[in-house]
Amino acid sequence: MPGPSRASPRRGAGGAPGAGDAAQELIRESRIAELQHGLIDLAGRGHLLRQANVLRAVRSEVVRLDLRLAERIKATDPDPAEMERAVNERKAALESLVTTIDTRTNDLDQRLTRFTALLDESLAAAEERARDIARVVAAAAWTIATR
């Protein structure tokens, strides 16, 4: 009585010759790991957007504080020359802060735009690779089916 049949080491999970090798090649060619790492990187870069929002909130708060300060100065009615000097110093400091915030916001916007473009290119390439893989798998299935 013959023993249980053993699959050839060259046969894959589906029993077709080289199916295990084809599956490994398919996984390697699909580059799923690269896409996963890209998505993780995108999530990590979300902090840039949060920083831009924080900078905008800080700018709004500084403007609000400046308006309150101007109201308090008017309420106490100090020496007009001293008040003018203080207001000019505050304005200069605020203009410098606004310029810095605008520069950083623009830099963040440019970085996010470049990153989005790169991500779009990467996803388009992944789609094309997926289509190519699907064609190869369909052709292989057709070849196996017509045997």
C-alpha atoms as a PDB file:
ATOM      1  CA  MET A   1       0.000   0.000   0.000  1.00  0.00           C
ATOM      2  CA  PRO A   2       1.607   3.269  -1.066  1.00  0.00           C
ATOM      3  CA  GLY A   3       2.219   5.988   1.533  1.00  0.00           C
ATOM      4  CA  PRO A   4       0.683   9.459   1.417  1.00  0.00           C
ATOM      5  CA  SER A   5       1.757  11.457  -1.588  1.00  0.00           C
ATOM      6  CA  ARG A   6       4.175  14.273  -0.918  1.00  0.00           C
ATOM      7  CA  ALA A   7       4.172  17.500  -2.831  1.00  0.00           C
ATOM      8  CA  SER A   8       7.256  18.350  -4.751  1.00  0.00           C
ATOM      9  CA  PRO A   9       9.327  21.080  -3.062  1.00  0.00           C
ATOM     10  CA  ARG A  10       8.945  23.127  -6.224  1.00  0.00           C
ATOM     11  CA  ARG A  11       5.154  23.214  -5.890  1.00  0.00           C
ATOM     12  CA  GLY A  12       3.572  26.128  -4.030  1.00  0.00           C
ATOM     13  CA  ALA A  13       0.539  26.404  -1.814  1.00  0.00           C
ATOM     14  CA  GLY A  14      -1.851  25.965  -4.735  1.00  0.00           C
ATOM     15  CA  GLY A  15      -0.061  22.868  -5.961  1.00  0.00           C
ATOM     16  CA  ALA A  16       0.980  24.544  -9.204  1.00  0.00           C
ATOM     17  CA  PRO A  17       4.655  24.303 -10.066  1.00  0.00           C
ATOM     18  CA  GLY A  18       6.483  27.437  -8.911  1.00  0.00           C
ATOM     19  CA  ALA A  19       3.355  28.994  -7.319  1.00  0.00           C
ATOM     20  CA  GLY A  20       5.265  29.686  -4.080  1.00  0.00           C
ATOM     21  CA  ASP A  21       8.011  31.399  -6.053  1.00  0.00           C
ATOM     22  CA  ALA A  22       5.410  33.335  -8.034  1.00  0.00           C
ATOM     23  CA  ALA A  23       3.673  34.437  -4.824  1.00  0.00           C
ATOM     24  CA  GLN A  24       6.949  35.641  -3.353  1.00  0.00           C
ATOM     25  CA  GLU A  25       7.771  37.445  -6.615  1.00  0.00           C
ATOM     26  CA  LEU A  26       4.297  38.999  -6.654  1.00  0.00           C
ATOM     27  CA  ILE A  27       4.740  40.279  -3.095  1.00  0.00           C
ATOM     28  CA  ARG A  28       8.200  41.627  -3.890  1.00  0.00           C
ATOM     29  CA  GLU A  29       7.030  43.319  -7.116  1.00  0.00           C
ATOM     30  CA  SER A  30       3.916  44.875  -5.575  1.00  0.00           C
ATOM     31  CA  ARG A  31       6.128  46.807  -3.137  1.00  0.00           C
ATOM     32  CA  ILE A  32       3.378  46.888  -0.526  1.00  0.00           C
ATOM     33  CA  ALA A  33       5.916  47.455   2.230  1.00  0.00           C
ATOM     34  CA  GLU A  34       7.146  50.618   0.488  1.00  0.00           C
ATOM     35  CA  LEU A  35       3.587  51.925   0.244  1.00  0.00           C
ATOM     36  CA  GLN A  36       2.992  51.165   3.920  1.00  0.00           C
ATOM     37  CA  HIS A  37       6.154  53.036   4.882  1.00  0.00           C
ATOM     38  CA  GLY A  38       5.074  55.958   2.667  1.00  0.00           C
ATOM     39  CA  LEU A  39       1.710  56.162   4.378  1.00  0.00           C
ATOM     40  CA  ILE A  40       3.341  56.003   7.812  1.00  0.00           C
ATOM     41  CA  ASP A  41       5.690  58.818   6.720  1.00  0.00           C
ATOM     42  CA  LEU A  42       2.706  60.857   5.526  1.00  0.00           C
ATOM     43  CA  ALA A  43       1.010  60.444   8.903  1.00  0.00           C
ATOM     44  CA  GLY A  44       4.218  61.545  10.614  1.00  0.00           C
ATOM     45  CA  ARG A  45       4.376  64.645   8.476  1.00  0.00           C
ATOM     46  CA  GLY A  46       0.922  65.652   9.615  1.00  0.00           C
ATOM     47  CA  HIS A  47       2.696  67.387  12.471  1.00  0.00           C
ATOM     48  CA  LEU A  48       3.792  70.076   9.981  1.00  0.00           C
ATOM     49  CA  LEU A  49       0.190  70.992   9.386  1.00  0.00           C
ATOM     50  CA  ARG A  50      -0.475  71.073  13.126  1.00  0.00           C
ATOM     51  CA  GLN A  51       2.536  73.378  13.590  1.00  0.00           C
ATOM     52  CA  ALA A  52       1.203  75.730  10.908  1.00  0.00           C
ATOM     53  CA  ASN A  53      -2.144  75.847  12.707  1.00  0.00           C
ATOM     54  CA  VAL A  54      -0.410  76.544  16.011  1.00  0.00           C
ATOM     55  CA  LEU A  55       1.544  79.392  14.415  1.00  0.00           C
ATOM     56  CA  ARG A  56      -1.668  80.875  13.024  1.00  0.00           C
ATOM     57  CA  ALA A  57      -3.317  80.626  16.456  1.00  0.00           C
ATOM     58  CA  VAL A  58      -0.306  82.294  18.083  1.00  0.00           C
ATOM     59  CA  ARG A  59      -0.437  85.102  15.548  1.00  0.00           C
ATOM     60  CA  SER A  60      -4.147  85.663  16.282  1.00  0.00           C
ATOM     61  CA  GLU A  61      -3.484  85.657  20.015  1.00  0.00           C
ATOM     62  CA  VAL A  62      -0.646  88.185  19.644  1.00  0.00           C
ATOM     63  CA  VAL A  63      -2.897  90.511  17.639  1.00  0.00           C
ATOM     64  CA  ARG A  64      -5.635  90.175  20.279  1.00  0.00           C
ATOM     65  CA  LEU A  65      -3.147  90.925  23.059  1.00  0.00           C
ATOM     66  CA  ASP A  66      -1.838  93.926  21.162  1.00  0.00           C
ATOM     67  CA  LEU A  67      -5.345  95.325  20.839  1.00  0.00           C
ATOM     68  CA  ARG A  68      -5.944  94.829  24.563  1.00  0.00           C
ATOM     69  CA  LEU A  69      -2.633  96.517  25.348  1.00  0.00           C
ATOM     70  CA  ALA A  70      -3.526  99.485  23.169  1.00  0.00           C
ATOM     71  CA  GLU A  71      -6.874  99.801  24.964  1.00  0.00           C
ATOM     72  CA  ARG A  72      -5.205  99.662  28.375  1.00  0.00           C
ATOM     73  CA  ILE A  73      -2.668 102.300  27.359  1.00  0.00           C
ATOM     74  CA  LYS A  74      -5.463 104.570  26.239  1.00  0.00           C
ATOM     75  CA  ALA A  75      -7.323 103.941  29.494  1.00  0.00           C
ATOM     76  CA  THR A  76      -4.375 104.923  31.680  1.00  0.00           C
ATOM     77  CA  ASP A  77      -3.520 107.925  29.482  1.00  0.00           C
ATOM     78  CA  PRO A  78       0.259 108.007  30.011  1.00  0.00           C
ATOM     79  CA  ASP A  79       2.639 110.550  28.597  1.00  0.00           C
ATOM     80  CA  PRO A  80       1.866 110.767  24.861  1.00  0.00           C
ATOM     81  CA  ALA A  81       5.545 110.527  23.868  1.00  0.00           C
ATOM     82  CA  GLU A  82       6.056 107.438  26.048  1.00  0.00           C
ATOM     83  CA  MET A  83       2.890 105.884  24.727  1.00  0.00           C
ATOM     84  CA  GLU A  84       3.982 106.503  21.128  1.00  0.00           C
ATOM     85  CA  ARG A  85       7.364 104.900  21.788  1.00  0.00           C
ATOM     86  CA  ALA A  86       5.763 101.849  23.426  1.00  0.00           C
ATOM     87  CA  VAL A  87       3.263 101.460  20.599  1.00  0.00           C
ATOM     88  CA  ASN A  88       6.019 101.721  17.983  1.00  0.00           C
ATOM     89  CA  GLU A  89       8.110  99.110  19.794  1.00  0.00           C
ATOM     90  CA  ARG A  90       5.117  96.773  19.969  1.00  0.00           C
ATOM     91  CA  LYS A  91       4.296  97.341  16.325  1.00  0.00           C
ATOM     92  CA  ALA A  92       7.875  96.590  15.298  1.00  0.00           C
ATOM     93  CA  ALA A  93       7.913  93.429  17.406  1.00  0.00           C
ATOM     94  CA  LEU A  94       4.560  92.337  16.015  1.00  0.00           C
ATOM     95  CA  GLU A  95       5.581  93.022  12.421  1.00  0.00           C
ATOM     96  CA  SER A  96       8.713  90.974  12.964  1.00  0.00           C
ATOM     97  CA  LEU A  97       6.680  88.145  14.479  1.00  0.00           C
ATOM     98  CA  VAL A  98       4.096  88.263  11.676  1.00  0.00           C
ATOM     99  CA  THR A  99       6.872  88.189   9.063  1.00  0.00           C
ATOM    100  CA  THR A 100       8.492  85.200  10.757  1.00  0.00           C
ATOM    101  CA  ILE A 101       5.175  83.372  11.031  1.00  0.00           C
ATOM    102  CA  ASP A 102       4.311  84.119   7.388  1.00  0.00           C
ATOM    103  CA  THR A 103       7.706  82.852   6.261  1.00  0.00           C
ATOM    104  CA  ARG A 104       7.344  79.641   8.239  1.00  0.00           C
ATOM    105  CA  THR A 105       3.754  79.161   7.093  1.00  0.00           C
ATOM    106  CA  ASN A 106       4.806  79.585   3.458  1.00  0.00           C
ATOM    107  CA  ASP A 107       7.664  77.140   3.976  1.00  0.00           C
ATOM    108  CA  LEU A 108       5.270  74.588   5.481  1.00  0.00           C
ATOM    109  CA  ASP A 109       2.806  75.107   2.637  1.00  0.00           C
ATOM    110  CA  GLN A 110       5.569  74.540   0.064  1.00  0.00           C
ATOM    111  CA  ARG A 111       6.773  71.404   1.837  1.00  0.00           C
ATOM    112  CA  LEU A 112       3.268  69.985   2.068  1.00  0.00           C
ATOM    113  CA  THR A 113       2.657  70.779  -1.605  1.00  0.00           C
ATOM    114  CA  ARG A 114       5.883  69.004  -2.641  1.00  0.00           C
ATOM    115  CA  PHE A 115       5.115  66.043  -0.401  1.00  0.00           C
ATOM    116  CA  THR A 116       1.574  65.763  -1.756  1.00  0.00           C
ATOM    117  CA  ALA A 117       2.907  65.805  -5.328  1.00  0.00           C
ATOM    118  CA  LEU A 118       5.435  63.081  -4.489  1.00  0.00           C
ATOM    119  CA  LEU A 119       2.747  61.014  -2.809  1.00  0.00           C
ATOM    120  CA  ASP A 120       0.468  61.398  -5.846  1.00  0.00           C
ATOM    121  CA  GLU A 121       3.294  60.232  -8.115  1.00  0.00           C
ATOM    122  CA  SER A 122       4.031  57.295  -5.836  1.00  0.00           C
ATOM    123  CA  LEU A 123       0.395  56.243  -5.708  1.00  0.00           C
ATOM    124  CA  ALA A 124       0.077  56.550  -9.503  1.00  0.00           C
ATOM    125  CA  ALA A 125       3.155  54.354  -9.914  1.00  0.00           C
ATOM    126  CA  ALA A 126       1.717  51.860  -7.437  1.00  0.00           C
ATOM    127  CA  GLU A 127      -1.547  51.773  -9.384  1.00  0.00           C
ATOM    128  CA  GLU A 128       0.357  51.103 -12.592  1.00  0.00           C
ATOM    129  CA  ARG A 129       2.364  48.328 -10.898  1.00  0.00           C
ATOM    130  CA  ALA A 130      -0.858  46.821  -9.553  1.00  0.00           C
ATOM    131  CA  ARG A 131      -2.347  46.849 -13.070  1.00  0.00           C
ATOM    132  CA  ASP A 132       0.802  45.201 -14.437  1.00  0.00           C
ATOM    133  CA  ILE A 133       0.700  42.567 -11.700  1.00  0.00           C
ATOM    134  CA  ALA A 134      -2.982  41.929 -12.387  1.00  0.00           C
ATOM    135  CA  ARG A 135      -2.185  41.433 -16.080  1.00  0.00           C
ATOM    136  CA  VAL A 136       0.603  38.985 -15.224  1.00  0.00           C
ATOM    137  CA  VAL A 137      -1.601  37.076 -12.771  1.00  0.00           C
ATOM    138  CA  ALA A 138      -4.486  36.967 -15.281  1.00  0.00           C
ATOM    139  CA  ALA A 139      -2.159  35.731 -18.023  1.00  0.00           C
ATOM    140  CA  ALA A 140      -0.736  33.081 -15.710  1.00  0.00           C
ATOM    141  CA  ALA A 141      -4.221  31.992 -14.650  1.00  0.00           C
ATOM    142  CA  TRP A 142      -5.296  31.859 -18.294  1.00  0.00           C
ATOM    143  CA  THR A 143      -2.240  29.800 -19.203  1.00  0.00           C
ATOM    144  CA  ILE A 144      -2.874  27.375 -16.357  1.00  0.00           C
ATOM    145  CA  ALA A 145      -6.604  27.154 -17.147  1.00  0.00           C
ATOM    146  CA  THR A 146      -6.057  26.426 -20.833  1.00  0.00           C
ATOM    147  CA  ARG A 147      -3.597  23.591 -20.224  1.00  0.00           C
END
